[in-house]
């Protein structure tokens, strides 16, 4: 298990041990299953968390006893929230399928039954369902990134097309980002918001910052979303599209201010998210989730 994934799982395990008091001191070796990781490996994982400011030791004389920091509590809650978001799981399924197929060199053919038992279906401490994987397969086929083999109508295997191989031959597969570069026109493919990479941004939901992160990107997002909603291009009721257009207009105006207000921006993003969840625009919703 990679250190990054192990550290996220350990942090969540520490948090879930006592959600009512997540900052209690814990002997991490005593958490179910974690003692099997081995002392040296466990120390590496906790050192990784400590360097990120997510945990702290009880003291030099208490090796293996750790406490989640306030920043660690916020990050654990964010990990658990993202784990259960349908749009995040959808993105994990899409990226995982392309990554696994790219690793099946040189044919790039992937048996879905094998994929369903691989690490690619693991989303924190849960796994993707067959239905979630099937929806991702349909998306990749529609985008021309895979060909699909079926038995009695059910997908059984995929093979990357030449375009799918180009997408998968990256350091970290980002299907949405690849499609945005290949198809720059249209809001469904042109979201310039990163899904992967970088250190976790801790505390954004609970800390009031004076400056909005990347206001120009937020303004561009709002402009494109307003254009779609104003023309009725979203798969949502007319009254919902009107609300989206109005909120997007206000968001663009706020983001282009000399000093946009963080609270106002986040409130408008949350309102847009609630309305987008009732529309059939997964890429727009995914982009918005990355801005929150």
Foldseek 3Di string as FASTA:
>chain_A
DDLVLVLLLLLLLLCVVCVVCSFDKDQSCPRPPPVVCDDVSVVVSVVVCVVLVQKDAPDPVDPRIIGGDPLNSQVSVVLVVLLPDLLSLLQLLLQLLLQVLLVPPPFSKFFVVVSQVDPSQDRRPDGNDLVSNQVSVVVCVVVQQWDFDDDPRGTGMIHGDPLSNVQNPDPGRRPLQSQCVVDVDALLRPQPFDPDDDRDDTDLVPDFDQAQPPLVSLLVLLVRLLVCLVVVNWQADVVLSVVSNVLSVVLNVQSPDPGRGSVSNVVSLVSNLVSCVRIPRSSSNVSSVSSD
